[in-house]
Amino acid sequence: MKRLVLAVAAIVVVGVGAWLLAVRMESPQQAAARAEPPAPEPVVVALDRGYLNGPVSMTVEAQNQQSVVVTPPAALTGVVTSVDRSAGDTLSPGSVPFRVNGRPVFVLEGAFALYRDIRPGDEGDDVLALQKGLLAAGYALGRPDGKYGPRTQAAVWSMYRAAGYAAPEVAVGAPDAAGAPSPGASAPETTAAGTGAAAPSDGTAVPVAGGGAAATVKGPGVLQSEVLTVPRLPAVVEGITTVGTRIAADTGLLTLGTGQVVLTSTLPQGSVGALTVDAAARFTDDSGTEATARVTALAPTETGEVTVSLLTEGAVRAGSSYVLTIDNPAAEDGERLLAPVAAVVTRAGRTYVYVREGTAFREVAVEVEATVGGVAAIVAADGDGDGDADADGDGGGDAGDGVVLGEGTEVRVG
C-alpha cells in the first residue's frame, strides 16, 4: 500500500513538472508572433465647418481720430491757479477747464483765436466767430451778424454767470448823433468785474455823461486772455496743464481728442496673419452689450509692427481698453468644410479622403480649395463617377454612392 501511494505521488509530480515545462517553453514561431506589435487602430477625426483662418483675439484701445494741442493766445500770461478738469473728461463748449490768475478761461468752438479784446459796438469776423461759439454753447442770441450788440452781450453775461463769475466790464466812448465817437472821448477802459453785477434788464448799454466829459457806454467785454478757441467741441481731455504752471507762448495748456473714436492695436507683423480690411470683430462695450467693429486700416510702422484700426458704433470711451474677437480675420466669403491636411491623400493627380463606414473606410474624391497651416478647405469632387458636386455651395454634399460629406463626417488621418 505504501508503495502504491509513493508511485501515485511520483506520477503526479512528474505530470505537474511536465506541464510547467510545456507552459514555459515556446517555439521560435510562437516567440516571433508574440514579439509583433498589435495591429494599429486607425486614427479618425470629424470634419469641421468654419473659416480656414481661425479666430484671433486682440486688446484694443479707444482713442479719438485727432489730437489737438491748445496753446495760449499772446494775451494770456501769468500762472495757472486752478484746474477743474482731468484726463478722460469731456469738454463742452463754454466750459472752464482751468483758471489763470484767478480768472476763468473758457473754451469755445472756433477756427481761429480772438485777435483783440471785444467791446460793445465792435464788429468783425472775430465777433461773428464769438457768436457762433456762444450758440454752440447753448446761449441764444439770434442770428449771428458779426456785431457785438445787446443780445450777444447778454449771452456773454450768461456764460460768465454760469461759471460763477462776472463778465469783464468795458467802458467805451459813445458815438454822437452822426455816429462818430464824441470829441475828447477817453480811451476804452476794461476791468475784470468781481462783484457779480448783473447786466441791465433789457440788455442795452447804459450811457454815462456829465461834468463836460465825453459820453461813454459800459457793457460786458470779451478778453482774449479768457477765451480759448478749438476746432471742434465736445472733445475729450487727453492732457491738461497743472496748477502752478507759468504760461509761456509755447505752453501746452490742453491736449484734446476730437473726431470719431477709433479702436487701435499695434501688433507684431507675425501676429497679424491673414487679418484684412473689412474683417468683423465682436466685443462687449461700455453698456454691457455685444457690439461689432470693422477693420478699416492696417498700417505698417517704422519698427516693423502693424497698427490695426477699427471703427464701431458701440458705446466706447476714449482711453478705455477692450478685448476683441475676430472670427473671420481674412474676411472669407463664408464658412467652409475643414479637414486636417493629413487626412487628404493625393494619388494620380487627384485628392481623396477616407470616410468611416462602421469598421471600414470608403475612398471619396474631394477638391482642396486652399490650405492654411495643417488645415485644408475641401469640397466634394465634381460628379464624374467618383462623387457629385456640392449642390448648396457649403463645402459638403453627396460624394457618390450615398456618402455625404459634412460637418461631423469622420475621416481617417494618414
Protein backbone atom coordinates (compact mmCIF):
# COMPACT_ATOMS: atom_id res chain seq x y z
CA MET A 1 0.00 0.00 0.00
CA LYS A 2 2.79 2.35 0.90
CA ARG A 3 4.46 1.61 -2.39
CA LEU A 4 1.27 2.43 -4.29
CA VAL A 5 0.96 5.80 -2.64
CA LEU A 6 4.54 6.64 -3.46
CA ALA A 7 4.05 5.62 -7.07
CA VAL A 8 0.96 7.80 -7.46
CA ALA A 9 2.76 10.75 -5.88
CA ALA A 10 5.67 10.32 -8.24
CA ILE A 11 3.35 10.27 -11.24
CA VAL A 12 1.65 13.48 -10.07
CA VAL A 13 4.96 15.26 -9.54
CA VAL A 14 6.21 14.25 -12.96
CA GLY A 15 2.97 15.38 -14.62
CA VAL A 16 2.97 18.76 -12.96
CA GLY A 17 6.60 19.30 -13.87
CA ALA A 18 5.93 18.39 -17.49
CA TRP A 19 3.01 20.79 -17.61
CA LEU A 20 5.06 23.63 -16.16
CA LEU A 21 7.82 22.96 -18.63
CA ALA A 22 5.37 22.98 -21.52
CA VAL A 23 3.91 26.29 -20.40
CA ARG A 24 7.32 27.93 -20.18
CA MET A 25 8.59 26.63 -23.49
CA GLU A 26 7.51 28.04 -26.88
CA SER A 27 8.55 27.56 -30.45
CA PRO A 28 10.52 30.22 -32.40
CA GLN A 29 7.38 30.90 -34.45
CA GLN A 30 5.40 31.50 -31.28
CA ALA A 31 8.10 33.82 -29.93
CA ALA A 32 8.17 35.83 -33.17
CA ALA A 33 4.40 36.14 -33.22
CA ARG A 34 4.38 37.32 -29.65
CA ALA A 35 7.05 39.95 -30.43
CA GLU A 36 4.99 41.57 -33.22
CA PRO A 37 3.10 44.76 -32.23
CA PRO A 38 -0.68 44.66 -32.34
CA ALA A 39 -2.39 45.90 -35.46
CA PRO A 40 -2.67 49.72 -35.23
CA GLU A 41 -6.08 51.25 -34.71
CA PRO A 42 -6.95 53.83 -37.40
CA VAL A 43 -6.98 57.47 -36.28
CA VAL A 44 -10.16 59.27 -37.24
CA VAL A 45 -11.29 62.89 -36.93
CA ALA A 46 -14.59 64.60 -37.62
CA LEU A 47 -14.78 67.19 -40.38
CA ASP A 48 -15.47 70.69 -39.12
CA ARG A 49 -17.17 73.71 -40.62
CA GLY A 50 -15.66 77.17 -40.17
CA TYR A 51 -13.20 79.67 -41.55
CA LEU A 52 -9.91 78.49 -42.91
CA ASN A 53 -8.13 81.23 -41.00
CA GLY A 54 -9.04 80.66 -37.38
CA PRO A 55 -10.31 83.28 -34.93
CA VAL A 56 -7.94 85.81 -33.37
CA SER A 57 -8.26 87.99 -30.29
CA MET A 58 -6.61 91.30 -29.52
CA THR A 59 -6.72 94.07 -26.97
CA VAL A 60 -7.51 97.48 -28.43
CA GLU A 61 -7.54 100.99 -27.02
CA ALA A 62 -10.22 103.53 -27.85
CA GLN A 63 -8.88 106.90 -28.91
CA ASN A 64 -10.03 109.88 -30.90
CA GLN A 65 -9.00 110.15 -34.51
CA GLN A 66 -7.33 113.52 -33.96
CA SER A 67 -5.42 115.17 -31.11
CA VAL A 68 -5.18 118.94 -30.82
CA VAL A 69 -2.68 120.70 -28.56
CA VAL A 70 -4.06 124.05 -27.40
CA THR A 71 -1.51 126.78 -26.69
CA PRO A 72 -2.27 130.17 -25.09
CA PRO A 73 -3.09 133.31 -27.03
CA ALA A 74 -0.49 136.06 -26.72
CA ALA A 75 -2.63 137.96 -24.22
CA LEU A 76 -2.81 135.04 -21.77
CA THR A 77 0.05 135.33 -19.28
CA GLY A 78 0.53 134.60 -15.61
CA VAL A 79 0.12 131.40 -13.63
CA VAL A 80 -2.44 128.59 -13.59
CA THR A 81 -4.27 128.88 -10.26
CA SER A 82 -6.89 126.13 -10.59
CA VAL A 83 -7.56 123.08 -12.77
CA ASP A 84 -11.16 121.90 -12.96
CA ARG A 85 -10.91 119.04 -15.48
CA SER A 86 -8.84 115.88 -15.76
CA ALA A 87 -7.82 113.43 -18.47
CA GLY A 88 -10.78 111.48 -19.79
CA ASP A 89 -13.31 114.23 -19.13
CA THR A 90 -15.45 115.56 -21.96
CA LEU A 91 -15.02 119.26 -22.59
CA SER A 92 -18.20 121.01 -23.78
CA PRO A 93 -18.48 124.44 -25.43
CA GLY A 94 -18.50 127.22 -22.85
CA SER A 95 -16.89 125.14 -20.09
CA VAL A 96 -13.97 126.28 -17.92
CA PRO A 97 -11.15 123.70 -17.78
CA PHE A 98 -8.83 125.86 -15.64
CA ARG A 99 -8.28 129.34 -14.25
CA VAL A 100 -5.35 131.70 -14.71
CA ASN A 101 -4.59 134.46 -12.21
CA GLY A 102 -7.87 133.59 -10.51
CA ARG A 103 -9.94 134.27 -13.64
CA PRO A 104 -11.83 131.68 -15.74
CA VAL A 105 -10.58 130.58 -19.14
CA PHE A 106 -13.47 129.44 -21.38
CA VAL A 107 -13.25 127.08 -24.34
CA LEU A 108 -15.34 127.87 -27.39
CA GLU A 109 -15.51 126.24 -30.79
CA GLY A 110 -13.82 128.30 -33.45
CA ALA A 111 -11.38 128.22 -36.34
CA PHE A 112 -9.05 130.94 -35.02
CA ALA A 113 -8.11 132.64 -31.78
CA LEU A 114 -9.52 136.04 -30.85
CA TYR A 115 -7.14 138.72 -32.10
CA ARG A 116 -8.41 141.54 -29.86
CA ASP A 117 -10.49 142.23 -26.80
CA ILE A 118 -14.09 142.60 -27.94
CA ARG A 119 -16.00 145.63 -26.68
CA PRO A 120 -19.59 146.85 -27.08
CA GLY A 121 -20.09 148.17 -30.58
CA ASP A 122 -17.30 146.11 -32.16
CA GLU A 123 -17.91 144.39 -35.47
CA GLY A 124 -15.92 141.88 -37.47
CA ASP A 125 -15.02 138.28 -38.17
CA ASP A 126 -13.92 137.73 -34.59
CA VAL A 127 -17.33 138.87 -33.31
CA LEU A 128 -19.03 136.51 -35.79
CA ALA A 129 -16.83 133.63 -34.59
CA LEU A 130 -17.66 134.51 -30.97
CA GLN A 131 -21.38 134.47 -31.75
CA LYS A 132 -21.14 131.03 -33.37
CA GLY A 133 -19.18 129.75 -30.40
CA LEU A 134 -21.80 131.06 -27.97
CA LEU A 135 -24.58 129.45 -29.99
CA ALA A 136 -22.73 126.12 -29.91
CA ALA A 137 -22.52 126.52 -26.13
CA GLY A 138 -26.31 126.85 -25.96
CA TYR A 139 -26.68 130.61 -25.49
CA ALA A 140 -29.43 132.22 -27.56
CA LEU A 141 -28.51 135.45 -29.32
CA GLY A 142 -30.41 135.40 -32.59
CA ARG A 143 -28.83 135.16 -35.98
CA PRO A 144 -25.05 135.74 -35.95
CA ASP A 145 -24.34 139.04 -37.70
CA GLY A 146 -20.80 139.92 -36.64
CA LYS A 147 -21.96 142.78 -34.40
CA TYR A 148 -21.30 142.82 -30.68
CA GLY A 149 -24.68 144.20 -29.69
CA PRO A 150 -27.05 143.82 -26.74
CA ARG A 151 -28.11 140.21 -27.41
CA THR A 152 -24.56 138.96 -27.81
CA GLN A 153 -23.53 140.87 -24.69
CA ALA A 154 -26.38 139.24 -22.76
CA ALA A 155 -25.14 135.81 -23.91
CA VAL A 156 -21.67 136.67 -22.64
CA TRP A 157 -23.15 137.72 -19.27
CA SER A 158 -24.94 134.37 -19.09
CA MET A 159 -21.81 132.37 -19.88
CA TYR A 160 -19.84 134.08 -17.14
CA ARG A 161 -22.71 133.81 -14.67
CA ALA A 162 -23.00 130.06 -15.34
CA ALA A 163 -19.33 129.71 -14.41
CA GLY A 164 -19.81 131.72 -11.23
CA TYR A 165 -18.06 134.88 -12.39
CA ALA A 166 -18.93 138.37 -13.56
CA ALA A 167 -18.02 139.31 -17.10
CA PRO A 168 -15.33 141.98 -17.55
CA GLU A 169 -16.96 145.41 -17.69
CA VAL A 170 -15.84 147.59 -20.56
CA ALA A 171 -16.36 151.33 -20.99
CA VAL A 172 -16.11 152.82 -24.46
CA GLY A 173 -16.82 156.24 -25.93
CA ALA A 174 -20.40 156.59 -27.11
CA PRO A 175 -20.92 157.73 -30.71
CA ASP A 176 -22.51 161.11 -31.29
CA ALA A 177 -25.63 161.70 -33.33
CA ALA A 178 -23.66 161.39 -36.54
CA GLY A 179 -22.40 158.01 -35.50
CA ALA A 180 -18.82 159.13 -34.74
CA PRO A 181 -17.11 159.00 -31.35
CA SER A 182 -17.71 162.05 -29.20
CA PRO A 183 -14.90 164.62 -29.31
CA GLY A 184 -12.47 164.16 -26.46
CA ALA A 185 -13.73 160.64 -25.61
CA SER A 186 -11.42 158.76 -23.30
CA ALA A 187 -9.62 155.59 -24.29
CA PRO A 188 -11.55 152.34 -23.71
CA GLU A 189 -11.34 151.04 -20.16
CA THR A 190 -11.60 147.38 -19.28
CA THR A 191 -11.97 145.86 -15.85
CA ALA A 192 -12.49 142.28 -14.77
CA ALA A 193 -15.52 142.78 -12.59
CA GLY A 194 -15.60 140.62 -9.49
CA THR A 195 -18.78 141.83 -7.85
CA GLY A 196 -21.16 139.71 -9.88
CA ALA A 197 -23.11 142.79 -11.03
CA ALA A 198 -25.95 141.92 -13.36
CA ALA A 199 -26.45 143.30 -16.84
CA PRO A 200 -29.25 145.84 -17.44
CA SER A 201 -32.59 144.06 -17.62
CA ASP A 202 -33.11 144.95 -21.26
CA GLY A 203 -29.55 144.04 -22.23
CA THR A 204 -28.78 147.54 -23.51
CA ALA A 205 -25.69 149.61 -22.84
CA VAL A 206 -26.02 152.47 -20.38
CA PRO A 207 -24.83 155.95 -21.49
CA VAL A 208 -23.00 157.90 -18.83
CA ALA A 209 -22.26 161.62 -19.22
CA GLY A 210 -21.70 164.64 -17.07
CA GLY A 211 -19.28 167.31 -16.00
CA GLY A 212 -18.44 168.06 -19.61
CA ALA A 213 -16.81 164.63 -20.07
CA ALA A 214 -17.44 162.64 -23.23
CA ALA A 215 -20.37 160.23 -23.05
CA THR A 216 -19.41 156.57 -22.52
CA VAL A 217 -21.20 153.25 -22.63
CA LYS A 218 -20.44 150.27 -20.44
CA GLY A 219 -21.11 146.61 -21.06
CA PRO A 220 -19.58 143.15 -20.83
CA GLY A 221 -16.48 142.63 -22.89
CA VAL A 222 -14.68 139.50 -24.02
CA LEU A 223 -10.97 139.38 -23.26
CA GLN A 224 -8.52 137.48 -25.43
CA SER A 225 -6.94 136.14 -22.27
CA GLU A 226 -10.16 134.46 -21.12
CA VAL A 227 -11.17 132.55 -24.25
CA LEU A 228 -9.52 129.57 -25.92
CA THR A 229 -10.86 128.53 -29.31
CA VAL A 230 -10.57 124.93 -30.51
CA PRO A 231 -11.62 123.48 -33.87
CA ARG A 232 -14.24 121.05 -32.59
CA LEU A 233 -16.24 120.53 -29.42
CA PRO A 234 -17.20 118.48 -27.47
CA ALA A 235 -13.73 116.96 -27.11
CA VAL A 236 -12.10 114.50 -24.75
CA VAL A 237 -9.36 115.80 -22.48
CA GLU A 238 -6.24 113.75 -23.15
CA GLY A 239 -3.92 116.04 -21.22
CA ILE A 240 -4.24 119.27 -19.22
CA THR A 241 -1.95 121.81 -17.54
CA THR A 242 -1.27 121.74 -13.81
CA VAL A 243 -1.64 124.27 -11.02
CA GLY A 244 1.42 126.49 -10.73
CA THR A 245 2.34 126.34 -14.41
CA ARG A 246 3.73 129.67 -15.61
CA ILE A 247 2.30 130.35 -19.01
CA ALA A 248 4.58 130.96 -21.97
CA ALA A 249 3.84 131.20 -25.67
CA ASP A 250 4.61 127.51 -26.24
CA THR A 251 2.88 126.14 -23.13
CA GLY A 252 0.59 123.25 -23.95
CA LEU A 253 -2.50 124.03 -21.91
CA LEU A 254 -4.73 121.28 -23.25
CA THR A 255 -4.47 118.20 -25.41
CA LEU A 256 -7.89 117.39 -26.80
CA GLY A 257 -9.07 114.34 -28.70
CA THR A 258 -11.63 115.13 -31.38
CA GLY A 259 -13.42 113.30 -34.14
CA GLN A 260 -14.75 109.76 -34.21
CA VAL A 261 -13.48 107.28 -31.63
CA VAL A 262 -11.23 104.65 -33.21
CA LEU A 263 -10.16 101.29 -31.76
CA THR A 264 -6.47 100.62 -32.34
CA SER A 265 -3.93 97.92 -31.55
CA THR A 266 -0.28 97.63 -32.56
CA LEU A 267 0.77 94.04 -33.26
CA PRO A 268 3.98 92.29 -34.34
CA GLN A 269 3.98 91.55 -38.05
CA GLY A 270 3.89 87.82 -37.34
CA SER A 271 0.73 88.15 -35.26
CA VAL A 272 -1.30 89.84 -37.99
CA GLY A 273 -1.57 86.68 -40.05
CA ALA A 274 -4.40 86.80 -42.59
CA LEU A 275 -6.14 89.76 -40.94
CA THR A 276 -7.55 92.03 -43.61
CA VAL A 277 -9.60 95.20 -44.05
CA ASP A 278 -13.37 94.71 -43.57
CA ALA A 279 -12.92 91.83 -41.14
CA ALA A 280 -15.63 91.98 -38.46
CA ALA A 281 -14.94 91.85 -34.73
CA ARG A 282 -17.16 91.43 -31.69
CA PHE A 283 -16.68 92.72 -28.15
CA THR A 284 -18.55 93.87 -25.06
CA ASP A 285 -18.96 97.65 -24.99
CA ASP A 286 -19.42 100.04 -22.07
CA SER A 287 -23.17 99.39 -21.99
CA GLY A 288 -22.54 95.69 -21.33
CA THR A 289 -23.94 94.54 -24.66
CA GLU A 290 -22.15 92.77 -27.50
CA ALA A 291 -21.08 95.26 -30.16
CA THR A 292 -19.36 94.88 -33.50
CA ALA A 293 -16.41 96.65 -35.06
CA ARG A 294 -14.88 96.61 -38.54
CA VAL A 295 -11.22 96.69 -39.52
CA THR A 296 -10.63 99.88 -41.53
CA ALA A 297 -6.85 100.01 -41.86
CA LEU A 298 -3.65 98.03 -41.40
CA ALA A 299 -0.74 100.46 -41.22
CA PRO A 300 2.90 99.28 -41.01
CA THR A 301 5.06 101.15 -38.51
CA GLU A 302 8.74 102.08 -38.73
CA THR A 303 9.54 99.43 -36.12
CA GLY A 304 8.17 96.61 -38.25
CA GLU A 305 4.86 96.32 -36.42
CA VAL A 306 1.35 96.85 -37.76
CA THR A 307 -1.25 99.22 -36.33
CA VAL A 308 -4.76 97.83 -36.72
CA SER A 309 -7.61 100.38 -36.75
CA LEU A 310 -11.30 99.56 -36.33
CA LEU A 311 -14.50 101.61 -36.26
CA THR A 312 -17.53 100.78 -34.16
CA GLU A 313 -20.96 102.14 -33.38
CA GLY A 314 -20.82 100.57 -29.94
CA ALA A 315 -20.66 102.53 -26.70
CA VAL A 316 -16.94 103.12 -26.23
CA ARG A 317 -15.00 105.76 -24.34
CA ALA A 318 -11.67 107.24 -25.40
CA GLY A 319 -8.91 105.99 -23.14
CA SER A 320 -10.62 102.66 -22.36
CA SER A 321 -9.42 99.22 -23.47
CA TYR A 322 -11.48 96.38 -24.93
CA VAL A 323 -10.84 92.75 -25.94
CA LEU A 324 -11.98 91.95 -29.48
CA THR A 325 -12.55 88.57 -31.09
CA ILE A 326 -12.37 88.30 -34.87
CA ASP A 327 -13.94 85.03 -36.00
CA ASN A 328 -13.20 85.55 -39.70
CA PRO A 329 -9.94 87.54 -39.84
CA ALA A 330 -9.42 87.08 -43.57
CA ALA A 331 -12.98 88.24 -44.35
CA GLU A 332 -13.72 84.99 -46.19
CA ASP A 333 -16.98 84.80 -48.11
CA GLY A 334 -18.37 82.08 -45.88
CA GLU A 335 -17.63 79.07 -43.73
CA ARG A 336 -16.07 76.04 -45.40
CA LEU A 337 -15.71 72.32 -44.76
CA LEU A 338 -12.37 71.81 -42.99
CA ALA A 339 -10.19 68.71 -42.73
CA PRO A 340 -6.67 68.09 -41.43
CA VAL A 341 -4.16 68.12 -44.25
CA ALA A 342 -3.03 64.69 -43.00
CA ALA A 343 -6.49 63.31 -43.82
CA VAL A 344 -6.22 64.25 -47.51
CA VAL A 345 -4.48 61.72 -49.76
CA THR A 346 -3.16 62.59 -53.22
CA ARG A 347 -2.91 59.90 -55.84
CA ALA A 348 -2.53 60.16 -59.60
CA GLY A 349 -3.24 63.86 -59.55
CA ARG A 350 -6.44 63.52 -57.57
CA THR A 351 -7.22 64.01 -53.89
CA TYR A 352 -9.28 61.79 -51.61
CA VAL A 353 -10.44 61.36 -48.06
CA TYR A 354 -11.37 58.04 -46.46
CA VAL A 355 -14.79 58.18 -44.85
CA ARG A 356 -15.53 55.83 -41.98
CA GLU A 357 -18.35 53.32 -42.51
CA GLY A 358 -18.56 51.13 -39.45
CA THR A 359 -15.23 49.31 -39.21
CA ALA A 360 -14.29 50.04 -42.83
CA PHE A 361 -13.38 53.17 -44.80
CA ARG A 362 -14.58 54.36 -48.20
CA GLU A 363 -12.43 56.40 -50.55
CA VAL A 364 -14.17 59.64 -51.53
CA ALA A 365 -12.84 62.11 -54.10
CA VAL A 366 -12.59 65.74 -52.97
CA GLU A 367 -11.15 69.02 -54.18
CA VAL A 368 -8.86 71.10 -51.99
CA GLU A 369 -9.70 74.79 -52.25
CA ALA A 370 -6.91 76.10 -50.02
CA THR A 371 -4.75 75.19 -47.07
CA VAL A 372 -3.51 77.18 -44.09
CA GLY A 373 -1.07 75.51 -41.77
CA GLY A 374 -2.30 71.99 -41.18
CA VAL A 375 -5.90 72.63 -42.23
CA ALA A 376 -7.45 72.19 -45.69
CA ALA A 377 -10.71 73.55 -47.05
CA ILE A 378 -12.35 70.78 -49.11
CA VAL A 379 -15.43 70.28 -51.25
CA ALA A 380 -16.94 67.16 -52.77
CA ALA A 381 -15.40 66.45 -56.18
CA ASP A 382 -17.30 67.16 -59.39
CA GLY A 383 -19.68 64.41 -60.46
CA ASP A 384 -17.63 62.15 -62.69
CA GLY A 385 -18.38 58.75 -61.24
CA ASP A 386 -16.36 59.42 -58.10
CA GLY A 387 -18.67 61.96 -56.49
CA ASP A 388 -21.29 64.61 -57.06
CA ALA A 389 -20.73 68.33 -56.94
CA ASP A 390 -21.77 70.24 -53.83
CA ALA A 391 -25.29 71.43 -54.52
CA ASP A 392 -25.59 74.20 -51.94
CA GLY A 393 -22.09 75.62 -52.05
CA ASP A 394 -21.37 74.98 -48.39
CA GLY A 395 -18.45 72.63 -48.97
CA GLY A 396 -20.42 69.44 -48.19
CA GLY A 397 -22.64 67.39 -50.44
CA ASP A 398 -23.21 63.88 -51.74
CA ALA A 399 -19.85 62.44 -52.73
CA GLY A 400 -21.38 59.50 -54.54
CA ASP A 401 -22.70 56.08 -53.51
CA GLY A 402 -24.72 57.74 -50.77
CA VAL A 403 -21.66 59.11 -48.97
CA VAL A 404 -22.35 62.60 -47.65
CA LEU A 405 -19.53 64.92 -46.64
CA GLY A 406 -20.44 67.43 -43.99
CA GLU A 407 -19.71 68.67 -40.53
CA GLY A 408 -19.17 65.70 -38.24
CA THR A 409 -18.31 63.21 -41.01
CA GLU A 410 -15.50 61.00 -39.69
CA VAL A 411 -12.44 60.56 -41.92
CA ARG A 412 -9.20 58.67 -41.46
CA VAL A 413 -5.98 60.53 -40.77
CA GLY A 414 -2.88 59.17 -42.50
